[in-house]
Amino acid sequence: LIWSDVFICVMGLLDMGYQYTPSTVPVEDGDLKKDGIFSVIRHPIDAGFMVFSLGIAVETRSIERVLLTIVMYIFLDRKNTIEEERLVEKYQDKYLKYIEEVPWRYAPTIV
């Protein structure tokens, strides 16, 4: 489980290239990424972090780590909501169409 999460993060980072930023503001000269892992889920790096965190919590049987993972999910989900609002401002209909094509933020069936 943990290694698959690392793979998801690395694929997301490689696909984003220089455009990766932890900020909610899109890179000024960036392009909308819709290929690679981004053709399956919209936020693979955050998904990888969350599942990695959950994997560590399960592996160590730590309720505190499970709770921290839940807090991280809430934080990242809010961050991604703001980021996607800014992506809609920047890319307009292109991003709205992307959301229709790839409706999953973190994993298929988990919006």
N, C-alpha and C. Protein backbone atom coordinates (compact mmCIF):
# COMPACT_ATOMS: atom_id res chain seq x y z
N LEU A 1 0.83 -1.20 0.00
CA LEU A 1 0.00 0.00 0.00
C LEU A 1 0.87 1.26 0.00
N ILE A 2 1.87 1.27 0.86
CA ILE A 2 2.70 2.47 0.99
C ILE A 2 3.48 2.74 -0.29
N TRP A 3 4.01 1.70 -0.93
CA TRP A 3 4.80 1.91 -2.15
C TRP A 3 3.94 2.39 -3.31
N SER A 4 2.68 1.94 -3.36
CA SER A 4 1.81 2.43 -4.43
C SER A 4 1.55 3.92 -4.28
N ASP A 5 1.51 4.39 -3.04
CA ASP A 5 1.29 5.81 -2.79
C ASP A 5 2.49 6.64 -3.23
N VAL A 6 3.67 6.12 -2.95
CA VAL A 6 4.89 6.79 -3.39
C VAL A 6 4.89 6.86 -4.92
N PHE A 7 4.49 5.77 -5.57
CA PHE A 7 4.41 5.74 -7.04
C PHE A 7 3.45 6.82 -7.55
N ILE A 8 2.27 6.94 -6.93
CA ILE A 8 1.29 7.95 -7.34
C ILE A 8 1.88 9.35 -7.21
N CYS A 9 2.53 9.62 -6.08
CA CYS A 9 3.16 10.94 -5.87
C CYS A 9 4.22 11.23 -6.93
N VAL A 10 5.09 10.26 -7.16
CA VAL A 10 6.17 10.45 -8.12
C VAL A 10 5.61 10.67 -9.52
N MET A 11 4.61 9.89 -9.90
CA MET A 11 4.00 10.07 -11.23
C MET A 11 3.41 11.48 -11.35
N GLY A 12 2.73 11.93 -10.31
CA GLY A 12 2.17 13.28 -10.33
C GLY A 12 3.24 14.35 -10.45
N LEU A 13 4.32 14.19 -9.69
CA LEU A 13 5.41 15.16 -9.75
C LEU A 13 6.09 15.16 -11.11
N LEU A 14 6.32 13.97 -11.67
CA LEU A 14 6.93 13.89 -13.00
C LEU A 14 6.03 14.49 -14.07
N ASP A 15 4.73 14.20 -13.98
CA ASP A 15 3.79 14.74 -14.97
C ASP A 15 3.66 16.27 -14.86
N MET A 16 3.74 16.81 -13.64
CA MET A 16 3.63 18.26 -13.45
C MET A 16 4.91 18.98 -13.86
N GLY A 17 6.05 18.35 -13.62
CA GLY A 17 7.31 18.99 -13.97
C GLY A 17 7.50 20.30 -13.22
N TYR A 18 7.97 21.32 -13.93
CA TYR A 18 8.26 22.60 -13.30
C TYR A 18 7.01 23.31 -12.80
N GLN A 19 5.84 22.86 -13.22
CA GLN A 19 4.60 23.53 -12.84
C GLN A 19 4.13 23.16 -11.43
N TYR A 20 4.78 22.18 -10.79
CA TYR A 20 4.35 21.78 -9.45
C TYR A 20 4.58 22.91 -8.46
N THR A 21 3.55 23.19 -7.67
CA THR A 21 3.65 24.14 -6.58
C THR A 21 2.66 23.73 -5.49
N PRO A 22 3.06 23.82 -4.24
CA PRO A 22 2.10 23.51 -3.17
C PRO A 22 1.07 24.63 -2.99
N SER A 23 1.28 25.73 -3.67
CA SER A 23 0.38 26.88 -3.59
C SER A 23 -0.94 26.59 -4.29
N THR A 24 -1.95 27.38 -3.98
CA THR A 24 -3.23 27.26 -4.68
C THR A 24 -3.26 28.11 -5.95
N VAL A 25 -2.19 28.85 -6.20
CA VAL A 25 -2.12 29.72 -7.37
C VAL A 25 -1.42 28.98 -8.50
N PRO A 26 -2.09 28.82 -9.66
CA PRO A 26 -1.44 28.14 -10.80
C PRO A 26 -0.21 28.91 -11.28
N VAL A 27 0.76 28.19 -11.77
CA VAL A 27 1.96 28.81 -12.34
C VAL A 27 1.54 29.68 -13.52
N GLU A 28 2.08 30.87 -13.58
CA GLU A 28 1.66 31.86 -14.58
C GLU A 28 1.80 31.36 -16.02
N ASP A 29 2.92 30.74 -16.34
CA ASP A 29 3.15 30.30 -17.72
C ASP A 29 2.85 28.81 -17.91
N GLY A 30 2.10 28.23 -16.99
CA GLY A 30 1.82 26.80 -17.04
C GLY A 30 0.69 26.43 -18.00
N ASP A 31 0.66 25.16 -18.32
CA ASP A 31 -0.41 24.59 -19.15
C ASP A 31 -1.25 23.66 -18.29
N LEU A 32 -2.49 23.46 -18.71
CA LEU A 32 -3.38 22.54 -18.01
C LEU A 32 -2.91 21.11 -18.26
N LYS A 33 -2.58 20.40 -17.20
CA LYS A 33 -2.13 19.01 -17.30
C LYS A 33 -3.33 18.08 -17.29
N LYS A 34 -3.50 17.30 -18.36
CA LYS A 34 -4.62 16.37 -18.46
C LYS A 34 -4.17 14.98 -18.87
N ASP A 35 -2.86 14.79 -19.00
CA ASP A 35 -2.37 13.48 -19.46
C ASP A 35 -1.68 12.76 -18.31
N GLY A 36 -1.20 11.56 -18.58
CA GLY A 36 -0.53 10.77 -17.56
C GLY A 36 -1.49 10.46 -16.41
N ILE A 37 -1.00 10.51 -15.20
CA ILE A 37 -1.81 10.21 -14.02
C ILE A 37 -2.97 11.20 -13.89
N PHE A 38 -2.81 12.41 -14.45
CA PHE A 38 -3.86 13.43 -14.39
C PHE A 38 -5.05 13.09 -15.30
N SER A 39 -4.93 12.07 -16.12
CA SER A 39 -6.06 11.61 -16.91
C SER A 39 -6.95 10.66 -16.10
N VAL A 40 -6.51 10.30 -14.90
CA VAL A 40 -7.25 9.39 -14.03
C VAL A 40 -7.79 10.11 -12.80
N ILE A 41 -6.94 10.90 -12.14
CA ILE A 41 -7.35 11.69 -10.98
C ILE A 41 -6.74 13.09 -11.09
N ARG A 42 -7.43 14.08 -10.51
CA ARG A 42 -6.99 15.47 -10.66
C ARG A 42 -5.91 15.90 -9.67
N HIS A 43 -5.79 15.24 -8.54
CA HIS A 43 -4.82 15.64 -7.52
C HIS A 43 -4.03 14.42 -7.03
N PRO A 44 -3.22 13.83 -7.92
CA PRO A 44 -2.52 12.59 -7.55
C PRO A 44 -1.48 12.77 -6.45
N ILE A 45 -0.83 13.90 -6.38
CA ILE A 45 0.21 14.10 -5.37
C ILE A 45 -0.43 14.11 -3.98
N ASP A 46 -1.50 14.87 -3.84
CA ASP A 46 -2.20 14.91 -2.55
C ASP A 46 -2.81 13.54 -2.23
N ALA A 47 -3.33 12.87 -3.24
CA ALA A 47 -3.90 11.53 -3.01
C ALA A 47 -2.83 10.59 -2.48
N GLY A 48 -1.65 10.66 -3.08
CA GLY A 48 -0.55 9.81 -2.62
C GLY A 48 -0.16 10.11 -1.18
N PHE A 49 -0.08 11.40 -0.84
CA PHE A 49 0.25 11.78 0.54
C PHE A 49 -0.80 11.25 1.53
N MET A 50 -2.06 11.38 1.17
CA MET A 50 -3.12 10.95 2.08
C MET A 50 -3.13 9.44 2.27
N VAL A 51 -2.99 8.69 1.20
CA VAL A 51 -3.01 7.24 1.32
C VAL A 51 -1.74 6.74 2.01
N PHE A 52 -0.63 7.39 1.74
CA PHE A 52 0.62 7.06 2.45
C PHE A 52 0.42 7.26 3.95
N SER A 53 -0.15 8.39 4.32
CA SER A 53 -0.40 8.68 5.73
C SER A 53 -1.34 7.65 6.36
N LEU A 54 -2.37 7.31 5.63
CA LEU A 54 -3.31 6.30 6.12
C LEU A 54 -2.61 4.94 6.25
N GLY A 55 -1.76 4.61 5.30
CA GLY A 55 -1.02 3.35 5.35
C GLY A 55 -0.12 3.28 6.57
N ILE A 56 0.57 4.37 6.88
CA ILE A 56 1.42 4.42 8.07
C ILE A 56 0.56 4.27 9.32
N ALA A 57 -0.60 4.95 9.35
CA ALA A 57 -1.50 4.86 10.51
C ALA A 57 -1.98 3.43 10.73
N VAL A 58 -2.34 2.75 9.65
CA VAL A 58 -2.81 1.37 9.76
C VAL A 58 -1.66 0.45 10.17
N GLU A 59 -0.51 0.63 9.53
CA GLU A 59 0.65 -0.21 9.82
C GLU A 59 1.07 -0.10 11.29
N THR A 60 1.00 1.10 11.84
CA THR A 60 1.40 1.31 13.22
C THR A 60 0.24 1.18 14.20
N ARG A 61 -0.96 0.94 13.65
CA ARG A 61 -2.17 0.80 14.48
C ARG A 61 -2.34 1.99 15.42
N SER A 62 -2.21 3.18 14.82
CA SER A 62 -2.25 4.41 15.61
C SER A 62 -3.53 5.20 15.31
N ILE A 63 -4.39 5.31 16.30
CA ILE A 63 -5.61 6.11 16.13
C ILE A 63 -5.26 7.58 15.96
N GLU A 64 -4.18 8.03 16.60
CA GLU A 64 -3.76 9.43 16.45
C GLU A 64 -3.39 9.72 15.01
N ARG A 65 -2.69 8.78 14.38
CA ARG A 65 -2.29 8.98 12.98
C ARG A 65 -3.50 8.91 12.05
N VAL A 66 -4.46 8.08 12.37
CA VAL A 66 -5.71 8.06 11.58
C VAL A 66 -6.39 9.42 11.69
N LEU A 67 -6.47 9.96 12.90
CA LEU A 67 -7.08 11.27 13.09
C LEU A 67 -6.31 12.36 12.36
N LEU A 68 -4.98 12.30 12.39
CA LEU A 68 -4.17 13.26 11.65
C LEU A 68 -4.40 13.14 10.14
N THR A 69 -4.58 11.91 9.67
CA THR A 69 -4.87 11.70 8.25
C THR A 69 -6.21 12.33 7.88
N ILE A 70 -7.19 12.21 8.75
CA ILE A 70 -8.50 12.83 8.51
C ILE A 70 -8.36 14.36 8.46
N VAL A 71 -7.60 14.91 9.40
CA VAL A 71 -7.35 16.36 9.40
C VAL A 71 -6.63 16.78 8.12
N MET A 72 -5.65 15.98 7.69
CA MET A 72 -4.93 16.29 6.45
C MET A 72 -5.88 16.26 5.26
N TYR A 73 -6.78 15.26 5.23
CA TYR A 73 -7.75 15.20 4.13
C TYR A 73 -8.61 16.46 4.11
N ILE A 74 -9.11 16.88 5.26
CA ILE A 74 -9.96 18.08 5.32
C ILE A 74 -9.18 19.30 4.84
N PHE A 75 -7.93 19.44 5.30
CA PHE A 75 -7.09 20.57 4.89
C PHE A 75 -6.83 20.54 3.38
N LEU A 76 -6.38 19.39 2.87
CA LEU A 76 -6.05 19.29 1.44
C LEU A 76 -7.29 19.44 0.57
N ASP A 77 -8.41 18.93 1.02
CA ASP A 77 -9.63 19.08 0.24
C ASP A 77 -10.03 20.54 0.13
N ARG A 78 -9.91 21.28 1.22
CA ARG A 78 -10.21 22.72 1.18
C ARG A 78 -9.21 23.45 0.29
N LYS A 79 -7.93 23.11 0.43
CA LYS A 79 -6.90 23.71 -0.42
C LYS A 79 -7.19 23.45 -1.90
N ASN A 80 -7.59 22.22 -2.21
CA ASN A 80 -7.85 21.86 -3.60
C ASN A 80 -9.12 22.52 -4.13
N THR A 81 -10.09 22.77 -3.26
CA THR A 81 -11.28 23.51 -3.69
C THR A 81 -10.88 24.92 -4.11
N ILE A 82 -10.05 25.57 -3.32
CA ILE A 82 -9.57 26.91 -3.66
C ILE A 82 -8.73 26.88 -4.93
N GLU A 83 -7.85 25.89 -5.02
CA GLU A 83 -6.99 25.76 -6.21
C GLU A 83 -7.85 25.57 -7.46
N GLU A 84 -8.86 24.72 -7.37
CA GLU A 84 -9.69 24.48 -8.55
C GLU A 84 -10.50 25.71 -8.93
N GLU A 85 -10.91 26.51 -7.96
CA GLU A 85 -11.57 27.78 -8.30
C GLU A 85 -10.63 28.67 -9.10
N ARG A 86 -9.37 28.69 -8.72
CA ARG A 86 -8.38 29.49 -9.44
C ARG A 86 -8.05 28.90 -10.81
N LEU A 87 -8.08 27.58 -10.90
CA LEU A 87 -7.86 26.94 -12.20
C LEU A 87 -9.02 27.23 -13.15
N VAL A 88 -10.23 27.29 -12.63
CA VAL A 88 -11.38 27.65 -13.46
C VAL A 88 -11.23 29.10 -13.93
N GLU A 89 -10.78 30.00 -13.05
CA GLU A 89 -10.55 31.39 -13.45
C GLU A 89 -9.51 31.46 -14.58
N LYS A 90 -8.45 30.67 -14.46
CA LYS A 90 -7.37 30.73 -15.45
C LYS A 90 -7.74 30.04 -16.77
N TYR A 91 -8.27 28.82 -16.68
CA TYR A 91 -8.50 28.01 -17.88
C TYR A 91 -9.96 27.99 -18.33
N GLN A 92 -10.86 28.51 -17.52
CA GLN A 92 -12.28 28.64 -17.80
C GLN A 92 -12.90 27.33 -18.28
N ASP A 93 -13.49 27.34 -19.46
CA ASP A 93 -14.21 26.16 -19.96
C ASP A 93 -13.32 24.94 -20.11
N LYS A 94 -12.02 25.15 -20.37
CA LYS A 94 -11.11 24.01 -20.50
C LYS A 94 -11.05 23.22 -19.19
N TYR A 95 -11.00 23.94 -18.06
CA TYR A 95 -10.92 23.23 -16.78
C TYR A 95 -12.26 22.61 -16.41
N LEU A 96 -13.35 23.29 -16.71
CA LEU A 96 -14.67 22.72 -16.43
C LEU A 96 -14.88 21.44 -17.23
N LYS A 97 -14.41 21.42 -18.47
CA LYS A 97 -14.50 20.21 -19.28
C LYS A 97 -13.61 19.10 -18.69
N TYR A 98 -12.44 19.47 -18.21
CA TYR A 98 -11.53 18.52 -17.57
C TYR A 98 -12.19 17.88 -16.34
N ILE A 99 -12.89 18.69 -15.54
CA ILE A 99 -13.60 18.16 -14.37
C ILE A 99 -14.66 17.14 -14.81
N GLU A 100 -15.33 17.42 -15.91
CA GLU A 100 -16.32 16.46 -16.43
C GLU A 100 -15.64 15.18 -16.90
N GLU A 101 -14.50 15.32 -17.56
CA GLU A 101 -13.79 14.15 -18.09
C GLU A 101 -13.14 13.33 -16.97
N VAL A 102 -12.64 14.01 -15.95
CA VAL A 102 -11.96 13.36 -14.82
C VAL A 102 -12.65 13.85 -13.54
N PRO A 103 -13.76 13.22 -13.16
CA PRO A 103 -14.54 13.74 -12.03
C PRO A 103 -13.93 13.45 -10.66
N TRP A 104 -12.86 12.68 -10.59
CA TRP A 104 -12.30 12.26 -9.30
C TRP A 104 -11.10 13.11 -8.92
N ARG A 105 -11.17 13.70 -7.74
CA ARG A 105 -10.02 14.45 -7.24
C ARG A 105 -8.89 13.53 -6.81
N TYR A 106 -9.22 12.48 -6.05
CA TYR A 106 -8.19 11.68 -5.40
C TYR A 106 -8.15 10.22 -5.84
N ALA A 107 -9.28 9.66 -6.16
CA ALA A 107 -9.33 8.26 -6.60
C ALA A 107 -10.69 8.03 -7.23
N PRO A 108 -10.78 7.14 -8.21
CA PRO A 108 -12.09 6.84 -8.77
C PRO A 108 -13.08 6.45 -7.66
N THR A 109 -14.23 7.05 -7.70
CA THR A 109 -15.34 6.93 -6.76
C THR A 109 -15.16 7.73 -5.48
N ILE A 110 -14.01 8.37 -5.27
CA ILE A 110 -13.82 9.28 -4.14
C ILE A 110 -13.65 10.68 -4.72
N VAL A 111 -14.69 11.46 -4.67
CA VAL A 111 -14.66 12.81 -5.24
C VAL A 111 -13.78 13.65 -4.37
